[in-house]
Amino acid sequence: MPASKRIPLSEKRWKELHDLKEAGQTYDELLKDLIREYRREKLAGKARKARAGEGEWKDLEELK
Protein backbone atom coordinates (compact mmCIF):
# COMPACT_ATOMS: atom_id res chain seq x y z
CA MET A 1 0.00 0.00 0.00
CA PRO A 2 1.79 3.15 -1.19
CA ALA A 3 0.20 5.78 1.06
CA SER A 4 -1.71 5.77 4.31
CA LYS A 5 -4.51 8.16 5.20
CA ARG A 6 -6.16 8.78 8.53
CA ILE A 7 -9.91 8.89 8.83
CA PRO A 8 -11.31 10.35 12.07
CA LEU A 9 -13.94 8.04 13.58
CA SER A 10 -15.99 8.15 16.71
CA GLU A 11 -15.26 5.44 19.24
CA LYS A 12 -18.65 3.89 18.47
CA ARG A 13 -17.99 3.76 14.71
CA TRP A 14 -14.51 2.29 15.24
CA LYS A 15 -16.03 -0.44 17.45
CA GLU A 16 -18.63 -1.24 14.79
CA LEU A 17 -15.91 -1.55 12.13
CA HIS A 18 -13.77 -3.62 14.47
CA ASP A 19 -16.69 -6.00 15.09
CA LEU A 20 -17.12 -6.49 11.31
CA LYS A 21 -13.43 -7.19 10.74
CA GLU A 22 -12.36 -10.82 10.52
CA ALA A 23 -9.15 -12.22 12.00
CA GLY A 24 -6.23 -11.44 9.69
CA GLN A 25 -8.24 -8.94 7.66
CA THR A 26 -6.89 -5.41 7.40
CA TYR A 27 -9.10 -2.36 7.77
CA ASP A 28 -8.24 -1.52 4.16
CA GLU A 29 -9.61 -4.90 3.05
CA LEU A 30 -12.68 -4.49 5.25
CA LEU A 31 -13.46 -1.06 3.79
CA LYS A 32 -12.91 -2.39 0.25
CA ASP A 33 -15.41 -5.20 0.94
CA LEU A 34 -17.94 -2.81 2.49
CA ILE A 35 -17.68 -0.44 -0.49
CA ARG A 36 -18.12 -3.32 -2.95
CA GLU A 37 -21.21 -4.55 -1.08
CA TYR A 38 -22.66 -1.02 -0.92
CA ARG A 39 -22.25 -0.63 -4.69
CA ARG A 40 -23.87 -4.03 -5.35
CA GLU A 41 -26.83 -3.15 -3.15
CA LYS A 42 -27.21 0.24 -4.84
CA LEU A 43 -27.18 -1.39 -8.29
CA ALA A 44 -29.65 -4.07 -7.15
CA GLY A 45 -31.98 -1.33 -5.87
CA LYS A 46 -31.86 0.42 -9.24
CA ALA A 47 -32.61 -2.88 -10.98
CA ARG A 48 -35.62 -3.48 -8.70
CA LYS A 49 -36.94 0.00 -9.48
CA ALA A 50 -36.44 -0.56 -13.20
CA ARG A 51 -38.37 -3.85 -13.06
CA ALA A 52 -41.16 -2.08 -11.18
CA GLY A 53 -41.29 0.65 -13.83
CA GLU A 54 -40.08 3.33 -11.43
CA GLY A 55 -37.56 6.04 -12.18
CA GLU A 56 -36.80 8.05 -15.26
CA TRP A 57 -35.95 5.76 -18.14
CA LYS A 58 -35.51 6.54 -21.79
CA ASP A 59 -36.11 4.32 -24.76
CA LEU A 60 -32.88 3.48 -26.56
CA GLU A 61 -34.33 4.95 -29.75
CA GLU A 62 -34.63 8.34 -28.00
CA LEU A 63 -30.90 8.38 -27.34
CA LYS A 64 -29.90 8.22 -31.01
PDB file of N, CA and C in Angstrom:
ATOM      1  N   MET A   1       0.859  -1.165   0.000  1.00  0.00           N
ATOM      2  CA  MET A   1       0.000   0.000   0.000  1.00  0.00           C
ATOM      3  C   MET A   1       0.909   1.232   0.000  1.00  0.00           C
ATOM      4  N   PRO A   2       0.859   2.033  -1.051  1.00  0.00           N
ATOM      5  CA  PRO A   2       1.790   3.150  -1.185  1.00  0.00           C
ATOM      6  C   PRO A   2       1.616   4.263  -0.158  1.00  0.00           C
ATOM      7  N   ALA A   3       0.408   4.649   0.156  1.00  0.00           N
ATOM      8  CA  ALA A   3       0.199   5.780   1.063  1.00  0.00           C
ATOM      9  C   ALA A   3      -0.863   5.420   2.091  1.00  0.00           C
ATOM     10  N   SER A   4      -0.717   5.979   3.264  1.00  0.00           N
ATOM     11  CA  SER A   4      -1.710   5.774   4.313  1.00  0.00           C
ATOM     12  C   SER A   4      -2.426   7.083   4.580  1.00  0.00           C
ATOM     13  N   LYS A   5      -3.695   7.001   4.852  1.00  0.00           N
ATOM     14  CA  LYS A   5      -4.510   8.164   5.205  1.00  0.00           C
ATOM     15  C   LYS A   5      -5.180   7.878   6.538  1.00  0.00           C
ATOM     16  N   ARG A   6      -5.435   8.908   7.258  1.00  0.00           N
ATOM     17  CA  ARG A   6      -6.156   8.777   8.527  1.00  0.00           C
ATOM     18  C   ARG A   6      -7.579   9.269   8.338  1.00  0.00           C
ATOM     19  N   ILE A   7      -8.505   8.519   8.901  1.00  0.00           N
ATOM     20  CA  ILE A   7      -9.913   8.887   8.834  1.00  0.00           C
ATOM     21  C   ILE A   7     -10.406   9.010  10.273  1.00  0.00           C
ATOM     22  N   PRO A   8     -10.811  10.209  10.695  1.00  0.00           N
ATOM     23  CA  PRO A   8     -11.308  10.349  12.065  1.00  0.00           C
ATOM     24  C   PRO A   8     -12.639   9.604  12.235  1.00  0.00           C
ATOM     25  N   LEU A   9     -12.726   8.800  13.272  1.00  0.00           N
ATOM     26  CA  LEU A   9     -13.939   8.041  13.576  1.00  0.00           C
ATOM     27  C   LEU A   9     -14.296   8.231  15.040  1.00  0.00           C
ATOM     28  N   SER A  10     -15.575   8.158  15.307  1.00  0.00           N
ATOM     29  CA  SER A  10     -15.991   8.146  16.709  1.00  0.00           C
ATOM     30  C   SER A  10     -15.631   6.775  17.286  1.00  0.00           C
ATOM     31  N   GLU A  11     -15.562   6.707  18.579  1.00  0.00           N
ATOM     32  CA  GLU A  11     -15.258   5.437  19.244  1.00  0.00           C
ATOM     33  C   GLU A  11     -16.309   4.386  18.879  1.00  0.00           C
ATOM     34  N   LYS A  12     -17.558   4.811  18.814  1.00  0.00           N
ATOM     35  CA  LYS A  12     -18.650   3.887  18.473  1.00  0.00           C
ATOM     36  C   LYS A  12     -18.466   3.331  17.061  1.00  0.00           C
ATOM     37  N   ARG A  13     -18.158   4.202  16.096  1.00  0.00           N
ATOM     38  CA  ARG A  13     -17.991   3.760  14.706  1.00  0.00           C
ATOM     39  C   ARG A  13     -16.795   2.839  14.570  1.00  0.00           C
ATOM     40  N   TRP A  14     -15.692   3.149  15.282  1.00  0.00           N
ATOM     41  CA  TRP A  14     -14.515   2.285  15.239  1.00  0.00           C
ATOM     42  C   TRP A  14     -14.855   0.899  15.774  1.00  0.00           C
ATOM     43  N   LYS A  15     -15.626   0.850  16.860  1.00  0.00           N
ATOM     44  CA  LYS A  15     -16.026  -0.436  17.452  1.00  0.00           C
ATOM     45  C   LYS A  15     -16.876  -1.225  16.469  1.00  0.00           C
ATOM     46  N   GLU A  16     -17.792  -0.545  15.774  1.00  0.00           N
ATOM     47  CA  GLU A  16     -18.630  -1.238  14.786  1.00  0.00           C
ATOM     48  C   GLU A  16     -17.776  -1.822  13.660  1.00  0.00           C
ATOM     49  N   LEU A  17     -16.815  -1.046  13.172  1.00  0.00           N
ATOM     50  CA  LEU A  17     -15.914  -1.552  12.132  1.00  0.00           C
ATOM     51  C   LEU A  17     -15.088  -2.723  12.661  1.00  0.00           C
ATOM     52  N   HIS A  18     -14.578  -2.570  13.865  1.00  0.00           N
ATOM     53  CA  HIS A  18     -13.767  -3.624  14.471  1.00  0.00           C
ATOM     54  C   HIS A  18     -14.565  -4.922  14.589  1.00  0.00           C
ATOM     55  N   ASP A  19     -15.836  -4.815  14.947  1.00  0.00           N
ATOM     56  CA  ASP A  19     -16.686  -5.999  15.086  1.00  0.00           C
ATOM     57  C   ASP A  19     -16.948  -6.684  13.742  1.00  0.00           C
ATOM     58  N   LEU A  20     -16.909  -5.922  12.648  1.00  0.00           N
ATOM     59  CA  LEU A  20     -17.117  -6.493  11.313  1.00  0.00           C
ATOM     60  C   LEU A  20     -15.854  -7.158  10.766  1.00  0.00           C
ATOM     61  N   LYS A  21     -14.720  -6.718  11.249  1.00  0.00           N
ATOM     62  CA  LYS A  21     -13.425  -7.189  10.740  1.00  0.00           C
ATOM     63  C   LYS A  21     -13.170  -8.625  11.172  1.00  0.00           C
ATOM     64  N   GLU A  22     -12.691  -9.434  10.220  1.00  0.00           N
ATOM     65  CA  GLU A  22     -12.356 -10.820  10.523  1.00  0.00           C
ATOM     66  C   GLU A  22     -10.881 -10.925  10.909  1.00  0.00           C
ATOM     67  N   ALA A  23     -10.540 -11.997  11.593  1.00  0.00           N
ATOM     68  CA  ALA A  23      -9.148 -12.215  11.997  1.00  0.00           C
ATOM     69  C   ALA A  23      -8.254 -12.240  10.762  1.00  0.00           C
ATOM     70  N   GLY A  24      -7.170 -11.493  10.807  1.00  0.00           N
ATOM     71  CA  GLY A  24      -6.232 -11.442   9.694  1.00  0.00           C
ATOM     72  C   GLY A  24      -6.602 -10.455   8.603  1.00  0.00           C
ATOM     73  N   GLN A  25      -7.788  -9.907   8.666  1.00  0.00           N
ATOM     74  CA  GLN A  25      -8.244  -8.940   7.661  1.00  0.00           C
ATOM     75  C   GLN A  25      -7.785  -7.541   8.064  1.00  0.00           C
ATOM     76  N   THR A  26      -7.287  -6.788   7.115  1.00  0.00           N
ATOM     77  CA  THR A  26      -6.885  -5.410   7.404  1.00  0.00           C
ATOM     78  C   THR A  26      -8.114  -4.504   7.313  1.00  0.00           C
ATOM     79  N   TYR A  27      -8.004  -3.320   7.891  1.00  0.00           N
ATOM     80  CA  TYR A  27      -9.098  -2.360   7.770  1.00  0.00           C
ATOM     81  C   TYR A  27      -9.259  -1.914   6.322  1.00  0.00           C
ATOM     82  N   ASP A  28      -8.165  -1.856   5.579  1.00  0.00           N
ATOM     83  CA  ASP A  28      -8.240  -1.516   4.163  1.00  0.00           C
ATOM     84  C   ASP A  28      -9.074  -2.554   3.414  1.00  0.00           C
ATOM     85  N   GLU A  29      -8.838  -3.826   3.689  1.00  0.00           N
ATOM     86  CA  GLU A  29      -9.611  -4.898   3.049  1.00  0.00           C
ATOM     87  C   GLU A  29     -11.074  -4.846   3.474  1.00  0.00           C
ATOM     88  N   LEU A  30     -11.309  -4.589   4.749  1.00  0.00           N
ATOM     89  CA  LEU A  30     -12.678  -4.486   5.249  1.00  0.00           C
ATOM     90  C   LEU A  30     -13.431  -3.368   4.542  1.00  0.00           C
ATOM     91  N   LEU A  31     -12.808  -2.195   4.452  1.00  0.00           N
ATOM     92  CA  LEU A  31     -13.461  -1.064   3.790  1.00  0.00           C
ATOM     93  C   LEU A  31     -13.687  -1.348   2.311  1.00  0.00           C
ATOM     94  N   LYS A  32     -12.745  -2.011   1.656  1.00  0.00           N
ATOM     95  CA  LYS A  32     -12.909  -2.387   0.250  1.00  0.00           C
ATOM     96  C   LYS A  32     -14.132  -3.293   0.092  1.00  0.00           C
ATOM     97  N   ASP A  33     -14.273  -4.287   0.991  1.00  0.00           N
ATOM     98  CA  ASP A  33     -15.415  -5.203   0.937  1.00  0.00           C
ATOM     99  C   ASP A  33     -16.728  -4.476   1.202  1.00  0.00           C
ATOM    100  N   LEU A  34     -16.730  -3.563   2.171  1.00  0.00           N
ATOM    101  CA  LEU A  34     -17.940  -2.805   2.486  1.00  0.00           C
ATOM    102  C   LEU A  34     -18.352  -1.914   1.319  1.00  0.00           C
ATOM    103  N   ILE A  35     -17.388  -1.291   0.664  1.00  0.00           N
ATOM    104  CA  ILE A  35     -17.678  -0.435  -0.495  1.00  0.00           C
ATOM    105  C   ILE A  35     -18.234  -1.269  -1.631  1.00  0.00           C
ATOM    106  N   ARG A  36     -17.637  -2.433  -1.893  1.00  0.00           N
ATOM    107  CA  ARG A  36     -18.121  -3.318  -2.955  1.00  0.00           C
ATOM    108  C   ARG A  36     -19.570  -3.742  -2.681  1.00  0.00           C
ATOM    109  N   GLU A  37     -19.855  -4.124  -1.440  1.00  0.00           N
ATOM    110  CA  GLU A  37     -21.210  -4.549  -1.079  1.00  0.00           C
ATOM    111  C   GLU A  37     -22.203  -3.397  -1.211  1.00  0.00           C
ATOM    112  N   TYR A  38     -21.799  -2.202  -0.795  1.00  0.00           N
ATOM    113  CA  TYR A  38     -22.657  -1.023  -0.923  1.00  0.00           C
ATOM    114  C   TYR A  38     -23.013  -0.783  -2.388  1.00  0.00           C
ATOM    115  N   ARG A  39     -22.011  -0.861  -3.262  1.00  0.00           N
ATOM    116  CA  ARG A  39     -22.250  -0.630  -4.692  1.00  0.00           C
ATOM    117  C   ARG A  39     -23.165  -1.695  -5.285  1.00  0.00           C
ATOM    118  N   ARG A  40     -22.987  -2.949  -4.872  1.00  0.00           N
ATOM    119  CA  ARG A  40     -23.865  -4.030  -5.351  1.00  0.00           C
ATOM    120  C   ARG A  40     -25.306  -3.784  -4.927  1.00  0.00           C
ATOM    121  N   GLU A  41     -25.483  -3.409  -3.660  1.00  0.00           N
ATOM    122  CA  GLU A  41     -26.833  -3.146  -3.147  1.00  0.00           C
ATOM    123  C   GLU A  41     -27.475  -1.971  -3.873  1.00  0.00           C
ATOM    124  N   LYS A  42     -26.701  -0.939  -4.131  1.00  0.00           N
ATOM    125  CA  LYS A  42     -27.212   0.236  -4.837  1.00  0.00           C
ATOM    126  C   LYS A  42     -27.653  -0.144  -6.247  1.00  0.00           C
ATOM    127  N   LEU A  43     -26.841  -0.935  -6.946  1.00  0.00           N
ATOM    128  CA  LEU A  43     -27.183  -1.393  -8.288  1.00  0.00           C
ATOM    129  C   LEU A  43     -28.411  -2.298  -8.260  1.00  0.00           C
ATOM    130  N   ALA A  44     -28.492  -3.182  -7.277  1.00  0.00           N
ATOM    131  CA  ALA A  44     -29.649  -4.068  -7.149  1.00  0.00           C
ATOM    132  C   ALA A  44     -30.919  -3.255  -6.906  1.00  0.00           C
ATOM    133  N   GLY A  45     -30.822  -2.200  -6.112  1.00  0.00           N
ATOM    134  CA  GLY A  45     -31.976  -1.330  -5.870  1.00  0.00           C
ATOM    135  C   GLY A  45     -32.441  -0.652  -7.145  1.00  0.00           C
ATOM    136  N   LYS A  46     -31.500  -0.197  -7.960  1.00  0.00           N
ATOM    137  CA  LYS A  46     -31.860   0.423  -9.239  1.00  0.00           C
ATOM    138  C   LYS A  46     -32.518  -0.597 -10.160  1.00  0.00           C
ATOM    139  N   ALA A  47     -32.021  -1.830 -10.149  1.00  0.00           N
ATOM    140  CA  ALA A  47     -32.609  -2.884 -10.982  1.00  0.00           C
ATOM    141  C   ALA A  47     -34.037  -3.190 -10.529  1.00  0.00           C
ATOM    142  N   ARG A  48     -34.259  -3.236  -9.213  1.00  0.00           N
ATOM    143  CA  ARG A  48     -35.619  -3.481  -8.699  1.00  0.00           C
ATOM    144  C   ARG A  48     -36.568  -2.368  -9.137  1.00  0.00           C
ATOM    145  N   LYS A  49     -36.112  -1.125  -9.053  1.00  0.00           N
ATOM    146  CA  LYS A  49     -36.945   0.005  -9.478  1.00  0.00           C
ATOM    147  C   LYS A  49     -37.241  -0.073 -10.967  1.00  0.00           C
ATOM    148  N   ALA A  50     -36.251  -0.461 -11.752  1.00  0.00           N
ATOM    149  CA  ALA A  50     -36.445  -0.565 -13.201  1.00  0.00           C
ATOM    150  C   ALA A  50     -37.480  -1.635 -13.515  1.00  0.00           C
ATOM    151  N   ARG A  51     -37.398  -2.776 -12.844  1.00  0.00           N
ATOM    152  CA  ARG A  51     -38.372  -3.850 -13.064  1.00  0.00           C
ATOM    153  C   ARG A  51     -39.773  -3.419 -12.660  1.00  0.00           C
ATOM    154  N   ALA A  52     -39.862  -2.559 -11.652  1.00  0.00           N
ATOM    155  CA  ALA A  52     -41.162  -2.084 -11.176  1.00  0.00           C
ATOM    156  C   ALA A  52     -41.667  -0.909 -12.007  1.00  0.00           C
ATOM    157  N   GLY A  53     -40.873  -0.466 -12.978  1.00  0.00           N
ATOM    158  CA  GLY A  53     -41.285   0.649 -13.828  1.00  0.00           C
ATOM    159  C   GLY A  53     -41.108   2.000 -13.170  1.00  0.00           C
ATOM    160  N   GLU A  54     -40.310   2.063 -12.126  1.00  0.00           N
ATOM    161  CA  GLU A  54     -40.080   3.330 -11.429  1.00  0.00           C
ATOM    162  C   GLU A  54     -38.841   4.019 -11.984  1.00  0.00           C
ATOM    163  N   GLY A  55     -38.736   5.290 -11.751  1.00  0.00           N
ATOM    164  CA  GLY A  55     -37.561   6.040 -12.177  1.00  0.00           C
ATOM    165  C   GLY A  55     -37.745   6.654 -13.547  1.00  0.00           C
ATOM    166  N   GLU A  56     -36.757   7.406 -13.946  1.00  0.00           N
ATOM    167  CA  GLU A  56     -36.799   8.052 -15.257  1.00  0.00           C
ATOM    168  C   GLU A  56     -35.962   7.234 -16.226  1.00  0.00           C
ATOM    169  N   TRP A  57     -36.630   6.605 -17.167  1.00  0.00           N
ATOM    170  CA  TRP A  57     -35.951   5.757 -18.138  1.00  0.00           C
ATOM    171  C   TRP A  57     -36.274   6.237 -19.535  1.00  0.00           C
ATOM    172  N   LYS A  58     -35.311   6.124 -20.408  1.00  0.00           N
ATOM    173  CA  LYS A  58     -35.510   6.539 -21.793  1.00  0.00           C
ATOM    174  C   LYS A  58     -35.408   5.326 -22.696  1.00  0.00           C
ATOM    175  N   ASP A  59     -36.183   5.353 -23.749  1.00  0.00           N
ATOM    176  CA  ASP A  59     -36.114   4.323 -24.761  1.00  0.00           C
ATOM    177  C   ASP A  59     -34.792   4.483 -25.504  1.00  0.00           C
ATOM    178  N   LEU A  60     -34.161   3.393 -25.860  1.00  0.00           N
ATOM    179  CA  LEU A  60     -32.884   3.482 -26.562  1.00  0.00           C
ATOM    180  C   LEU A  60     -33.001   4.273 -27.854  1.00  0.00           C
ATOM    181  N   GLU A  61     -34.135   4.214 -28.505  1.00  0.00           N
ATOM    182  CA  GLU A  61     -34.334   4.955 -29.754  1.00  0.00           C
ATOM    183  C   GLU A  61     -34.259   6.464 -29.512  1.00  0.00           C
ATOM    184  N   GLU A  62     -34.667   6.914 -28.330  1.00  0.00           N
ATOM    185  CA  GLU A  62     -34.631   8.343 -28.004  1.00  0.00           C
ATOM    186  C   GLU A  62     -33.198   8.852 -27.858  1.00  0.00           C
ATOM    187  N   LEU A  63     -32.271   7.973 -27.582  1.00  0.00           N
ATOM    188  CA  LEU A  63     -30.897   8.375 -27.336  1.00  0.00           C
ATOM    189  C   LEU A  63     -30.084   8.543 -28.612  1.00  0.00           C
ATOM    190  N   LYS A  64     -30.634   8.121 -29.734  1.00  0.00           N
ATOM    191  CA  LYS A  64     -29.899   8.221 -31.008  1.00  0.00           C
ATOM    192  C   LYS A  64     -29.899   9.626 -31.534  1.00  0.00           C
TER     193      LYS A  64
END
